[in-house]
Amino acid sequence: MAADTTTSATPDFRFLVSHPAHFLALGFGSGLAPVAPGTFGTLASWGLYALLAVWLPPVVIAFIAIPLFFVGVWACDVTARDLGVQDHGAIVWDEIVAFLPLAAIASSAWWLQLVTFGLFRLFDIWKPYPIRLVERNVKGGMGVMVDDLMAGAYAYVAFIVFVVVMHKGFGFQ
C-alpha cells in the first residue's frame, strides 16, 4: 500500500474525497450507505442516466458504459487496494456502470425502468453460475467490474424475455 493513501476498513467521507479513484469507485458517495450500498449505487446509476438523458440519446448512454467500465477497472483496483479488501461492499462503480445500458434499453417507460432495476439487483445479489465463479477467480479491478457486467447481461436477457412475453402474451405496448 502506498504511503500517501488512506487506509480504512470502513470508508468514510475523508476516504471518499482522498483520491479521484475512491470518489468514482464509491459511486460519488452512494457506496457509503450504511445498508444495501449496491442498491444505492444502482440508484445513483439511475440518477446518472436521467441526468445524461437530458443531453444524450439512450444508445449513446449505453455505449458510454464501455469506457466507464475501463475507468472502473482502474478506480476499483486502486480503491480495493487502499481499503485492503478485494471487493468491499462500498465499491459500487461496478453497479453504476453495469446498470447504465439497462436503463438505456428501458428508457421508454418508468415501469420498464423499475423492471430493469429489479432484475439487475436480483442477478447482482443472486450471482447465478458462472457469475459467482468469476467473482471468486478474477482478481483486482477487473474482478470487481466483470461480475456486475455479467449480472447486467443476465438482467438484459431476462428483460427481453419479459418484454416479449408482456407484448406477445398480454398485448402490452
Protein backbone atom coordinates (compact mmCIF):
# COMPACT_ATOMS: atom_id res chain seq x y z
CA MET A 1 0.00 0.00 0.00
CA ALA A 2 1.29 3.44 -0.89
CA ALA A 3 2.26 5.70 1.97
CA ASP A 4 0.07 8.58 0.78
CA THR A 5 -3.21 6.64 0.73
CA THR A 6 -5.88 6.48 3.38
CA THR A 7 -6.47 3.01 4.83
CA SER A 8 -9.94 2.39 6.20
CA ALA A 9 -11.85 -0.82 6.84
CA THR A 10 -15.00 1.30 6.78
CA PRO A 11 -14.64 4.06 4.21
CA ASP A 12 -15.91 7.48 5.20
CA PHE A 13 -16.20 10.93 3.62
CA ARG A 14 -12.50 11.58 4.16
CA PHE A 15 -11.60 8.38 2.30
CA LEU A 16 -14.14 9.21 -0.45
CA VAL A 17 -12.51 12.54 -1.27
CA SER A 18 -8.88 11.49 -0.69
CA HIS A 19 -8.39 10.18 -4.25
CA PRO A 20 -10.36 10.50 -7.53
CA ALA A 21 -10.44 6.69 -7.80
CA HIS A 22 -12.14 6.46 -4.41
CA PHE A 23 -14.73 9.07 -5.41
CA LEU A 24 -15.63 7.07 -8.52
CA ALA A 25 -15.39 3.58 -7.01
CA LEU A 26 -17.59 4.60 -4.08
CA GLY A 27 -20.18 5.90 -6.55
CA PHE A 28 -19.88 9.62 -5.74
CA GLY A 29 -20.63 8.68 -2.13
CA SER A 30 -23.57 6.34 -2.71
CA GLY A 31 -21.41 3.41 -1.61
CA LEU A 32 -21.14 4.94 1.85
CA ALA A 33 -24.78 4.00 2.56
CA PRO A 34 -24.86 2.02 5.83
CA VAL A 35 -27.19 -0.63 4.36
CA ALA A 36 -27.53 -2.04 0.83
CA PRO A 37 -24.77 0.06 -0.77
CA GLY A 38 -25.13 -1.89 -4.04
CA THR A 39 -28.76 -0.84 -4.25
CA PHE A 40 -27.78 2.77 -3.54
CA GLY A 41 -25.11 2.51 -6.24
CA THR A 42 -27.72 1.26 -8.70
CA LEU A 43 -29.97 4.17 -7.69
CA ALA A 44 -27.04 6.51 -8.37
CA SER A 45 -26.74 4.94 -11.82
CA TRP A 46 -30.41 5.60 -12.40
CA GLY A 47 -29.85 9.24 -11.45
CA LEU A 48 -26.79 9.45 -13.70
CA TYR A 49 -28.82 8.01 -16.57
CA ALA A 50 -31.59 10.60 -16.02
CA LEU A 51 -29.02 13.39 -15.99
CA LEU A 52 -27.28 12.16 -19.16
CA ALA A 53 -30.65 11.59 -20.89
CA VAL A 54 -31.25 15.34 -20.83
CA TRP A 55 -28.48 15.74 -23.43
CA LEU A 56 -27.85 12.31 -24.94
CA PRO A 57 -29.96 9.63 -26.62
CA PRO A 58 -30.23 6.26 -24.86
CA VAL A 59 -27.97 4.41 -27.31
CA VAL A 60 -25.12 6.87 -26.64
CA ILE A 61 -25.58 6.47 -22.90
CA ALA A 62 -25.42 2.69 -23.28
CA PHE A 63 -22.15 2.94 -25.19
CA ILE A 64 -20.68 5.40 -22.67
CA ALA A 65 -20.65 2.42 -20.30
CA ILE A 66 -17.76 0.89 -22.30
CA PRO A 67 -15.09 3.47 -21.42
CA LEU A 68 -16.61 3.83 -17.94
CA PHE A 69 -16.03 0.09 -17.46
CA PHE A 70 -12.30 0.50 -18.09
CA VAL A 71 -12.12 3.59 -15.87
CA GLY A 72 -13.83 1.41 -13.26
CA VAL A 73 -11.21 -1.32 -13.54
CA TRP A 74 -8.60 1.27 -12.53
CA ALA A 75 -10.72 3.04 -9.88
CA CYS A 76 -11.93 -0.18 -8.24
CA ASP A 77 -8.42 -1.64 -8.25
CA VAL A 78 -6.95 1.41 -6.53
CA THR A 79 -9.80 1.64 -4.03
CA ALA A 80 -9.83 -2.07 -3.20
CA ARG A 81 -6.07 -1.99 -2.64
CA ASP A 82 -6.34 1.09 -0.42
CA LEU A 83 -9.16 -0.48 1.59
CA GLY A 84 -7.29 -3.78 1.83
CA VAL A 85 -10.39 -5.68 0.67
CA GLN A 86 -10.76 -7.25 -2.79
CA ASP A 87 -14.39 -6.17 -3.38
CA HIS A 88 -15.53 -4.03 -0.46
CA GLY A 89 -19.30 -3.52 -0.31
CA ALA A 90 -18.84 0.25 -0.54
CA ILE A 91 -17.34 -0.12 -4.03
CA VAL A 92 -20.37 0.46 -6.25
CA TRP A 93 -18.93 1.83 -9.50
CA ASP A 94 -19.49 -1.67 -10.89
CA GLU A 95 -23.23 -1.38 -10.25
CA ILE A 96 -23.32 2.12 -11.73
CA VAL A 97 -21.62 1.10 -14.97
CA ALA A 98 -23.43 -2.23 -15.38
CA PHE A 99 -26.87 -0.64 -14.90
CA LEU A 100 -26.43 2.26 -17.36
CA PRO A 101 -27.08 0.17 -20.51
CA LEU A 102 -30.10 -1.45 -18.83
CA ALA A 103 -31.54 1.95 -18.00
CA ALA A 104 -30.95 2.94 -21.63
CA ILE A 105 -32.81 -0.03 -23.13
CA ALA A 106 -35.74 0.54 -20.76
CA SER A 107 -35.83 4.29 -21.29
CA SER A 108 -39.29 4.34 -22.85
CA ALA A 109 -41.35 3.91 -19.68
CA TRP A 110 -40.86 4.31 -15.93
CA TRP A 111 -42.32 0.87 -15.22
CA LEU A 112 -39.77 -0.73 -17.58
CA GLN A 113 -37.07 1.14 -15.67
CA LEU A 114 -38.38 -0.47 -12.47
CA VAL A 115 -38.30 -3.90 -14.11
CA THR A 116 -34.66 -3.49 -15.19
CA PHE A 117 -33.75 -2.17 -11.75
CA GLY A 118 -35.32 -5.19 -10.04
CA LEU A 119 -33.83 -7.69 -12.46
CA PHE A 120 -30.36 -6.21 -12.14
CA ARG A 121 -30.47 -6.22 -8.33
CA LEU A 122 -31.79 -9.82 -8.38
CA PHE A 123 -28.92 -11.10 -10.54
CA ASP A 124 -26.30 -8.96 -8.80
CA ILE A 125 -27.29 -10.37 -5.40
CA TRP A 126 -28.06 -13.94 -6.51
CA LYS A 127 -24.97 -14.32 -8.74
CA PRO A 128 -26.06 -17.43 -10.68
CA TYR A 129 -23.49 -19.59 -12.44
CA PRO A 130 -20.92 -18.61 -13.65
CA ILE A 131 -21.03 -15.17 -12.02
CA ARG A 132 -20.02 -16.38 -8.54
CA LEU A 133 -17.20 -18.46 -10.05
CA VAL A 134 -15.85 -15.43 -11.92
CA GLU A 135 -16.21 -13.28 -8.79
CA ARG A 136 -14.04 -15.76 -6.85
CA ASN A 137 -11.36 -16.24 -9.51
CA VAL A 138 -10.88 -12.90 -11.27
CA LYS A 139 -8.96 -10.51 -9.03
CA GLY A 140 -8.27 -6.79 -8.94
CA GLY A 141 -10.38 -4.10 -10.53
CA MET A 142 -11.35 -6.39 -13.41
CA GLY A 143 -12.77 -8.88 -10.92
CA VAL A 144 -14.79 -6.15 -9.21
CA MET A 145 -16.22 -4.94 -12.51
CA VAL A 146 -16.82 -8.11 -14.51
CA ASP A 147 -19.24 -9.91 -12.17
CA ASP A 148 -21.64 -6.96 -12.30
CA LEU A 149 -21.28 -6.80 -16.06
CA MET A 150 -22.35 -10.46 -16.14
CA ALA A 151 -25.28 -9.74 -13.80
CA GLY A 152 -26.27 -6.97 -16.21
CA ALA A 153 -26.16 -9.45 -19.11
CA TYR A 154 -28.43 -11.87 -17.22
CA ALA A 155 -30.80 -8.99 -16.42
CA TYR A 156 -30.77 -7.95 -20.08
CA VAL A 157 -31.79 -11.41 -21.27
CA ALA A 158 -34.50 -11.66 -18.58
CA PHE A 159 -35.75 -8.19 -19.53
CA ILE A 160 -36.03 -9.12 -23.22
CA VAL A 161 -37.96 -12.28 -22.30
CA PHE A 162 -40.20 -10.18 -20.01
CA VAL A 163 -40.91 -7.62 -22.75
CA VAL A 164 -41.64 -10.28 -25.37
CA VAL A 165 -43.99 -12.15 -23.00
CA MET A 166 -45.75 -8.92 -21.97
CA HIS A 167 -46.10 -7.78 -25.57
CA LYS A 168 -46.96 -11.08 -27.28
CA GLY A 169 -48.78 -12.75 -24.40
CA PHE A 170 -50.67 -9.83 -22.93
CA GLY A 171 -50.67 -7.19 -25.66
CA PHE A 172 -48.84 -4.52 -23.64
CA GLN A 173 -47.28 -1.78 -25.73
